[in-house]
Amino acid sequence: MKKQTTPKQKLLHIFKKNPAMTIGEIMKYFTISEIAVRKHIHELEQQGLVEKTSHKKKIGRPYFTYDLTKKGHDTFPNQLKTLPIDLLSDLEALQGPKAVYDVLEKRMEREKAYYESCIVTNSLEERIHQVAHIQNENGYMVEVEKTDDGDFELRNYNCPISNIASTYHQVCLNEKKMLEQLFSNSKVSAHSFITKGNHVCRWTIKNPSANE
């Protein structure tokens, strides 16, 4: 038995096919009342799936058009999770494991260069917080805590590339290598990994001045 499409699902499909639609254009696809349709659109806006844009007219009140947001587009099937792994697997099959190693190493070098360009202090604590800020911008959900010993613990509660890191643990090893290079005067230790079944990636960065 075919599953019935809900009004919200129907709206998402309409916006996917037809960008910048007015309420009048939307209503051509519905037999329910305009009030009901507006209610469903408003709920999609609240969920961050649809955005409303106001357009001014020379005469009269402005009118609105509706579009999918990036989050709205992401509700449709895509290969973002599987494609990177498939490509790395194909590369490994064609050119061997070293080719994959080199690609992931190149990625680490590019990331490290970006971090170094953003860090503007020599203070260990400030550098750690700047690294955490960059990681949070990239979706890692990082918390920093200074321990009683004066060291620093970084906790990542989300891994945006866990699909790749779960298959190629080199990604996690490269993360450790990058942190060691960013904090070259400190010892960096890894205690847990999301890709190994833990709920958090946890790192300790030793504070040399606190352990003298």
Foldseek 3Di string as FASTA:
>chain_A
DDDDDDLLNVVLVVQVVDPFAFLVRVCVVDPDDSVVSVVSVVVCVVVQQKDKDWDDDPDDGTTITMHGDPVNVVVDDDCPLPVVVVVLVVCCVVPNPVVSVVVLLVVLVVVLVVLVVQDDDPDPVSSVVSVVVVVVVVPQCWDWDQDPLRKIKIKGQDDPNLSNCLVPVVNVVSVLVSVCVSVVVWDKDWDDDVSVVDRITMMITGDVVSVD
